Protein backbone atom coordinates (compact mmCIF):
# COMPACT_ATOMS: atom_id res chain seq x y z
CA UNK A 1 58.99 -46.84 -45.95
CA UNK A 2 55.71 -45.19 -47.18
CA UNK A 3 53.30 -43.70 -44.50
CA UNK A 4 50.02 -41.88 -45.74
CA UNK A 5 47.59 -40.20 -43.57
CA UNK A 6 44.01 -39.87 -45.27
CA UNK A 7 41.59 -37.19 -43.99
CA UNK A 8 38.00 -37.42 -45.05
CA UNK A 9 35.42 -34.42 -44.63
CA UNK A 10 31.41 -34.72 -45.01
CA UNK A 11 29.86 -31.59 -46.59
CA UNK A 12 26.07 -32.43 -46.31
CA UNK A 13 23.67 -34.97 -44.58
CA UNK A 14 22.09 -37.24 -47.07
CA UNK A 15 18.67 -38.26 -45.36
CA UNK A 16 18.56 -41.60 -47.31
CA UNK A 17 21.99 -42.68 -46.46
CA UNK A 18 22.16 -46.31 -44.71
CA UNK A 19 24.44 -44.70 -42.04
CA UNK A 20 23.45 -41.13 -41.78
CA UNK A 21 26.31 -38.98 -40.90
CA UNK A 22 25.41 -35.02 -40.47
CA UNK A 23 27.60 -32.02 -40.90
CA UNK A 24 31.21 -32.22 -42.36
CA UNK A 25 33.26 -35.51 -41.55
CA UNK A 26 36.85 -35.66 -41.75
CA UNK A 27 39.19 -38.28 -40.73
CA UNK A 28 43.02 -39.31 -40.83
CA UNK A 29 44.45 -42.65 -41.68
CA UNK A 30 47.06 -44.77 -42.94
CA UNK A 31 47.76 -46.08 -46.59
CA UNK A 32 50.97 -48.43 -46.64
CA UNK A 33 51.40 -49.11 -50.43
CA UNK A 34 53.79 -51.93 -51.76
CA UNK A 35 54.99 -52.93 -54.97
CA UNK A 36 54.06 -56.50 -54.26
CA UNK A 37 50.32 -56.13 -53.04
CA UNK A 38 47.34 -54.43 -54.02
CA UNK A 39 47.65 -50.91 -52.80
CA UNK A 40 43.60 -50.39 -53.17
CA UNK A 41 43.27 -52.84 -50.27
CA UNK A 42 44.56 -50.73 -47.36
CA UNK A 43 42.53 -49.84 -44.63
CA UNK A 44 43.13 -45.95 -45.11
CA UNK A 45 42.25 -45.84 -48.80
CA UNK A 46 39.26 -48.17 -48.15
CA UNK A 47 38.02 -45.84 -45.59
CA UNK A 48 38.63 -42.68 -47.78
CA UNK A 49 36.71 -44.34 -50.56
CA UNK A 50 33.94 -45.59 -48.19
CA UNK A 51 33.39 -41.74 -46.83
CA UNK A 52 33.87 -40.51 -50.23
CA UNK A 53 30.88 -42.61 -51.62
CA UNK A 54 28.87 -41.29 -48.71
CA UNK A 55 29.51 -37.81 -49.84
CA UNK A 56 32.70 -37.21 -48.14
CA UNK A 57 35.41 -34.35 -49.28
CA UNK A 58 39.03 -36.33 -48.76
CA UNK A 59 42.38 -34.93 -47.88
CA UNK A 60 45.38 -37.44 -47.48
CA UNK A 61 48.72 -36.81 -46.10
CA UNK A 62 51.86 -39.11 -46.47
CA UNK A 63 55.93 -38.80 -46.89
CA UNK A 64 55.58 -40.24 -50.58
CA UNK A 65 53.95 -38.00 -53.29
CA UNK A 66 53.54 -40.86 -55.76
CA UNK A 67 51.21 -43.02 -53.22
CA UNK A 68 49.58 -40.03 -52.50
CA UNK A 69 48.67 -39.29 -56.13
CA UNK A 70 47.82 -42.82 -56.82
CA UNK A 71 45.07 -42.62 -53.87
CA UNK A 72 43.77 -39.31 -55.16
CA UNK A 73 43.07 -41.05 -58.40
CA UNK A 74 40.70 -43.40 -56.68
CA UNK A 75 38.74 -40.26 -55.33
CA UNK A 76 37.54 -36.93 -56.75
CA UNK A 77 39.08 -34.01 -58.23
CA UNK A 78 38.29 -31.89 -55.09
CA UNK A 79 40.42 -34.39 -52.75
CA UNK A 80 43.33 -32.59 -51.00
CA UNK A 81 46.89 -34.25 -50.88
CA UNK A 82 49.62 -33.47 -48.55
CA UNK A 83 53.15 -34.58 -48.31
CA UNK A 84 54.54 -34.67 -44.76
CA UNK A 85 55.63 -36.79 -41.96
CA UNK A 86 53.04 -37.88 -39.31
CA UNK A 87 55.68 -37.79 -36.64
CA UNK A 88 56.51 -34.23 -37.33
CA UNK A 89 54.44 -31.87 -35.60
CA UNK A 90 55.14 -29.00 -37.69
CA UNK A 91 53.83 -31.23 -40.65
CA UNK A 92 50.71 -32.13 -38.88
CA UNK A 93 49.85 -28.36 -37.78
CA UNK A 94 50.35 -27.62 -41.65
CA UNK A 95 48.01 -30.52 -42.65
CA UNK A 96 45.41 -29.75 -40.19
CA UNK A 97 45.44 -26.19 -41.16
CA UNK A 98 45.20 -26.99 -44.89
CA UNK A 99 42.32 -29.43 -44.30
CA UNK A 100 40.29 -26.53 -42.36
CA UNK A 101 41.33 -24.18 -45.08
CA UNK A 102 39.75 -26.17 -47.67
CA UNK A 103 36.76 -27.55 -45.73
CA UNK A 104 36.09 -25.52 -42.95
CA UNK A 105 36.20 -27.91 -39.97
CA UNK A 106 36.95 -31.40 -39.09
CA UNK A 107 34.00 -33.44 -37.81
CA UNK A 108 35.38 -36.89 -37.66
CA UNK A 109 39.32 -37.66 -37.25
CA UNK A 110 40.28 -41.09 -38.15
CA UNK A 111 43.74 -41.67 -36.71
CA UNK A 112 45.15 -44.49 -38.34
CA UNK A 113 49.06 -43.81 -39.34
CA UNK A 114 51.18 -46.73 -38.57
CA UNK A 115 53.99 -49.03 -39.30
CA UNK A 116 55.13 -52.74 -38.22
CA UNK A 117 58.23 -53.87 -36.79
CA UNK A 118 60.98 -54.69 -39.40
CA UNK A 119 61.16 -58.28 -37.96
CA UNK A 120 60.96 -59.58 -34.41
CA UNK A 121 61.79 -57.42 -31.63
CA UNK A 122 62.57 -59.48 -28.43
CA UNK A 123 63.42 -57.41 -25.39
CA UNK A 124 66.68 -59.07 -25.21
CA UNK A 125 67.93 -57.74 -28.90
CA UNK A 126 65.39 -55.00 -30.04
CA UNK A 127 67.19 -51.91 -31.07
CA UNK A 128 66.87 -48.28 -29.97
CA UNK A 129 66.43 -47.12 -33.44
CA UNK A 130 63.57 -49.53 -34.40
CA UNK A 131 61.97 -48.92 -30.83
CA UNK A 132 61.91 -45.10 -31.63
CA UNK A 133 60.88 -45.76 -35.39
CA UNK A 134 57.69 -47.60 -34.62
CA UNK A 135 56.44 -45.44 -31.54
CA UNK A 136 57.41 -42.19 -33.20
CA UNK A 137 54.64 -42.92 -35.79
CA UNK A 138 52.40 -45.22 -34.24
CA UNK A 139 52.15 -43.55 -30.88
CA UNK A 140 53.71 -39.95 -30.81
CA UNK A 141 52.05 -39.58 -34.41
CA UNK A 142 48.58 -40.71 -32.98
CA UNK A 143 48.58 -38.54 -30.12
CA UNK A 144 49.67 -35.23 -31.63
CA UNK A 145 47.57 -35.91 -34.77
CA UNK A 146 44.56 -35.19 -32.45
CA UNK A 147 46.15 -32.27 -30.69
CA UNK A 148 46.80 -30.53 -33.95
CA UNK A 149 43.37 -31.49 -35.51
CA UNK A 150 41.29 -30.33 -32.11
CA UNK A 151 41.44 -26.57 -32.90
CA UNK A 152 39.39 -27.37 -35.61
CA UNK A 153 36.90 -29.75 -34.42
CA UNK A 154 33.54 -28.79 -33.19
CA UNK A 155 31.16 -29.99 -30.59
CA UNK A 156 29.60 -33.37 -31.72
CA UNK A 157 32.44 -34.29 -33.79
CA UNK A 158 34.11 -37.75 -33.66
CA UNK A 159 37.65 -39.19 -33.22
CA UNK A 160 38.60 -42.92 -34.30
CA UNK A 161 41.76 -44.43 -33.64
CA UNK A 162 42.91 -47.56 -35.49
CA UNK A 163 44.59 -50.08 -32.88
CA UNK A 164 45.29 -53.50 -33.60
CA UNK A 165 44.19 -56.87 -31.84
CA UNK A 166 48.02 -57.27 -30.63
CA UNK A 167 47.23 -54.67 -27.93
CA UNK A 168 45.56 -57.17 -26.27
CA UNK A 169 47.75 -60.13 -26.90
CA UNK A 170 51.22 -61.42 -25.73
CA UNK A 171 52.84 -62.60 -28.76
CA UNK A 172 56.57 -63.51 -28.25
CA UNK A 173 59.02 -61.17 -29.88
CA UNK A 174 55.91 -58.54 -31.09
CA UNK A 175 56.61 -56.44 -28.07
CA UNK A 176 57.57 -52.93 -29.77
CA UNK A 177 54.50 -53.08 -32.14
CA UNK A 178 52.03 -54.39 -29.58
CA UNK A 179 53.08 -51.70 -27.11
CA UNK A 180 52.83 -49.12 -29.28
CA UNK A 181 49.28 -49.90 -30.35
CA UNK A 182 48.28 -50.75 -26.41
CA UNK A 183 49.34 -47.01 -26.10
CA UNK A 184 47.04 -45.86 -28.54
CA UNK A 185 44.17 -47.87 -26.82
CA UNK A 186 45.08 -46.15 -23.68
CA UNK A 187 44.62 -42.90 -25.66
CA UNK A 188 41.08 -44.01 -26.71
CA UNK A 189 39.86 -44.05 -23.21
CA UNK A 190 41.95 -41.19 -21.65
CA UNK A 191 41.22 -38.69 -24.41
CA UNK A 192 37.24 -39.65 -24.42
CA UNK A 193 37.20 -38.73 -20.89
CA UNK A 194 39.00 -35.28 -21.63
CA UNK A 195 36.60 -34.71 -24.75
CA UNK A 196 33.56 -35.32 -22.89
CA UNK A 197 32.95 -31.57 -22.02
CA UNK A 198 33.56 -30.86 -25.20
CA UNK A 199 30.84 -33.08 -26.72
CA UNK A 200 33.63 -34.92 -28.79
CA UNK A 201 33.32 -38.80 -29.02
CA UNK A 202 36.07 -40.96 -28.94
CA UNK A 203 36.59 -44.64 -29.95
CA UNK A 204 38.78 -47.14 -31.84
CA UNK A 205 38.71 -49.86 -34.16
CA UNK A 206 40.66 -52.86 -33.68
CA UNK A 207 41.50 -54.90 -36.83
CA UNK A 208 42.62 -58.49 -36.82
CA UNK A 209 44.09 -60.46 -39.83
CA UNK A 210 43.10 -58.28 -42.58
CA UNK A 211 44.20 -58.45 -46.37
CA UNK A 212 46.56 -55.62 -46.28
CA UNK A 213 49.96 -54.41 -47.47
CA UNK A 214 51.09 -54.33 -43.81
CA UNK A 215 50.80 -58.13 -43.60
CA UNK A 216 54.16 -59.64 -45.60
CA UNK A 217 55.39 -56.31 -46.84
CA UNK A 218 58.73 -57.20 -47.23
CA UNK A 219 57.98 -60.74 -48.51
CA UNK A 220 57.61 -62.14 -52.15
CA UNK A 221 53.95 -63.16 -53.32
CA UNK A 222 54.08 -66.59 -52.47
CA UNK A 223 55.25 -66.09 -49.20
CA UNK A 224 52.40 -63.52 -48.33
CA UNK A 225 49.75 -65.97 -49.96
CA UNK A 226 51.12 -68.65 -47.37
CA UNK A 227 50.95 -66.20 -44.63
CA UNK A 228 47.49 -65.25 -45.70
CA UNK A 229 46.34 -69.08 -46.01
CA UNK A 230 47.72 -69.94 -42.50
CA UNK A 231 45.84 -67.07 -40.93
CA UNK A 232 42.59 -67.97 -42.48
CA UNK A 233 43.09 -71.56 -40.99
CA UNK A 234 43.17 -70.27 -37.51
CA UNK A 235 40.88 -67.53 -37.60
CA UNK A 236 37.47 -68.65 -36.29
CA UNK A 237 35.60 -67.59 -39.30
CA UNK A 238 38.16 -69.33 -41.48
CA UNK A 239 38.89 -66.36 -43.81
CA UNK A 240 41.09 -63.24 -43.72
CA UNK A 241 39.22 -59.86 -43.10
CA UNK A 242 38.92 -57.17 -45.81
CA UNK A 243 40.01 -53.54 -45.82
CA UNK A 244 36.22 -52.61 -46.66
CA UNK A 245 35.01 -54.33 -43.44
CA UNK A 246 37.16 -52.28 -41.06
CA UNK A 247 35.87 -48.93 -42.89
CA UNK A 248 32.59 -49.86 -42.39
CA UNK A 249 33.41 -49.74 -38.69
CA UNK A 250 34.83 -46.64 -38.84
CA UNK A 251 31.89 -45.11 -40.64
CA UNK A 252 29.66 -46.19 -37.82
CA UNK A 253 31.79 -45.00 -35.07
CA UNK A 254 31.99 -41.71 -36.98
CA UNK A 255 28.20 -41.71 -37.43
CA UNK A 256 24.95 -40.73 -35.70
CA UNK A 257 24.18 -44.56 -35.25
CA UNK A 258 26.87 -44.68 -32.68
CA UNK A 259 25.87 -41.69 -30.58
CA UNK A 260 25.59 -43.49 -27.29
CA UNK A 261 29.51 -45.04 -27.54
CA UNK A 262 32.48 -43.50 -26.57
CA UNK A 263 35.88 -44.91 -24.97
CA UNK A 264 35.47 -48.23 -26.52
CA UNK A 265 37.53 -50.32 -28.63
CA UNK A 266 35.66 -52.23 -31.56
CA UNK A 267 37.18 -55.33 -32.55
CA UNK A 268 36.91 -56.21 -35.99
CA UNK A 269 38.54 -59.68 -36.11
CA UNK A 270 36.36 -62.38 -36.61
CA UNK A 271 36.32 -63.50 -33.19
CA UNK A 272 40.09 -63.93 -33.02
CA UNK A 273 40.73 -62.33 -29.78
CA UNK A 274 37.36 -63.25 -27.63
CA UNK A 275 37.19 -66.71 -29.10
CA UNK A 276 40.93 -67.61 -28.34
CA UNK A 277 42.59 -67.80 -31.51
CA UNK A 278 46.03 -67.16 -29.74
CA UNK A 279 46.33 -69.70 -26.76
CA UNK A 280 49.00 -68.16 -24.65
CA UNK A 281 52.12 -66.86 -26.69
CA UNK A 282 51.64 -69.44 -29.50
CA UNK A 283 50.73 -67.84 -33.02
CA UNK A 284 49.59 -71.47 -34.27
CA UNK A 285 46.54 -73.61 -35.03
CA UNK A 286 44.86 -75.34 -32.12
CA UNK A 287 44.03 -78.97 -32.19
């Protein structure tokens, strides 16, 4: 298992940018590379690349140095890489301090590190170890990423969490992962309330089925393709989403264009939740 956090910092405002960002912008996120899927399609890396294209400075944190090096090659030479564990408070403190040392402050934090469960986790048989593993990264990691970044975040900065549409669904045997993301949805609202006095906006993006390594990461290429084809057949817009589409939502929530938005979860899911892709607990096409 390899988890990478990505941090992006914008150093200057570009008046002609399609989506304007003022001051320094920074974000932290997850890249989960796989030898069987296209690493470049991960949401974390796609977001890093988009922010970089908008004039951002980028810092990435992850457990696997090789994955960090791969990501850095797609960015600029002044990007920052740090090997660490998102579930370690010491590593998070060190990472945020290095980001501040390099860029001066953090104006946008994208909290996106995450893992899925290793197979089904029905309440009758789910193991304590698997529960702790998922919650350590998805839930504990998300909460303390914000805590350790806050000392470097000035008024007017923004925080964007990455949740998942599973936090609103009742998919049987997916309870551990779903609950870990539902907790992050709760963080979004509670921390948004806490940050009002600091003038820091807090929102979340909630991706639906996206073509990333997290879907089918333990399967072979044929199985992954079959999974993607099946999902495309039941999604209301009849296609999988792209990581770049989620990245654009993160950019919007990080920009002045969303200046009157806080405490909300923006679904990037082609209508999969609101148009009733999943009826009850059944993960299958409707007639």
